[in-house]
Amino acid sequence: MTDRFCVHCGQAYDGSGHAECRNPRTALEPPRYCPQCARRMVVQVTPSGWQARCSRHGEATSADAPAPG
């Protein structure tokens, strides 16, 4: 499934690329918005990683996330 929404700002992908959302500062940030529905997610950050939960689409963890780069 392709992400329809940006996980950092919650706006729809419209071809602009979201350059302000894809920079070194945000590379290690957990997602704040669900990539499928743009709902604000409940995020818990721990020393070992993060967990983000959408009320509709379930949970994602830092172990599931692709490596930055």
Protein backbone atom coordinates (compact mmCIF):
# COMPACT_ATOMS: atom_id res chain seq x y z
CA MET A 1 0.00 0.00 0.00
CA THR A 2 1.28 3.43 -0.89
CA ASP A 3 1.27 6.17 1.72
CA ARG A 4 -1.25 8.85 0.79
CA PHE A 5 -0.37 11.34 3.54
CA CYS A 6 2.85 12.74 4.96
CA VAL A 7 3.64 11.27 8.40
CA HIS A 8 5.23 14.53 9.58
CA CYS A 9 2.68 17.19 8.52
CA GLY A 10 -0.44 15.15 7.72
CA GLN A 11 -0.98 16.81 4.33
CA ALA A 12 -1.77 14.79 1.22
CA TYR A 13 1.05 14.01 -1.17
CA ASP A 14 0.41 16.31 -4.10
CA GLY A 15 3.61 16.01 -6.07
CA SER A 16 5.50 18.74 -4.21
CA GLY A 17 7.66 16.14 -2.47
CA HIS A 18 7.34 17.66 1.00
CA ALA A 19 10.99 18.77 1.04
CA GLU A 20 10.48 20.56 4.38
CA CYS A 21 9.29 17.25 5.88
CA ARG A 22 12.16 15.20 4.48
CA ASN A 23 15.33 16.63 5.94
CA PRO A 24 18.03 15.42 8.36
CA ARG A 25 16.14 16.81 11.34
CA THR A 26 13.04 14.74 10.65
CA ALA A 27 14.86 11.58 9.50
CA LEU A 28 14.85 10.13 13.01
CA GLU A 29 11.54 11.62 14.15
CA PRO A 30 8.63 9.24 14.75
CA PRO A 31 5.58 9.63 12.55
CA ARG A 32 2.94 11.98 13.94
CA TYR A 33 0.17 11.34 11.39
CA CYS A 34 -1.15 8.09 9.94
CA PRO A 35 0.10 7.64 6.35
CA GLN A 36 -3.21 6.01 5.37
CA CYS A 37 -5.80 8.39 6.84
CA ALA A 38 -3.85 11.44 8.20
CA ARG A 39 -5.27 11.04 11.70
CA ARG A 40 -3.04 12.26 14.51
CA MET A 41 -1.40 9.22 16.10
CA VAL A 42 -0.62 8.50 19.74
CA VAL A 43 3.19 8.39 19.90
CA GLN A 44 5.36 7.08 22.71
CA VAL A 45 9.11 7.66 22.54
CA THR A 46 11.43 5.54 24.68
CA PRO A 47 15.22 5.25 24.86
CA SER A 48 15.03 2.11 22.72
CA GLY A 49 12.72 3.50 20.00
CA TRP A 50 9.15 4.64 19.44
CA GLN A 51 5.60 3.33 19.02
CA ALA A 52 2.88 5.13 17.09
CA ARG A 53 -0.77 4.04 17.11
CA CYS A 54 -3.60 5.05 14.79
CA SER A 55 -7.09 4.41 16.12
CA ARG A 56 -8.11 3.00 12.73
CA HIS A 57 -5.00 1.37 11.28
CA GLY A 58 -3.12 -0.01 14.26
CA GLU A 59 0.42 0.33 15.52
CA ALA A 60 3.81 0.99 13.96
CA THR A 61 7.15 0.85 15.75
CA SER A 62 10.66 2.04 15.09
CA ALA A 63 11.56 -1.61 14.35
CA ASP A 64 9.11 -1.46 11.38
CA ALA A 65 10.47 1.83 10.02
CA PRO A 66 12.96 1.92 7.15
CA ALA A 67 16.48 2.98 8.00
CA PRO A 68 17.17 6.70 7.42
CA GLY A 69 19.39 7.56 4.59
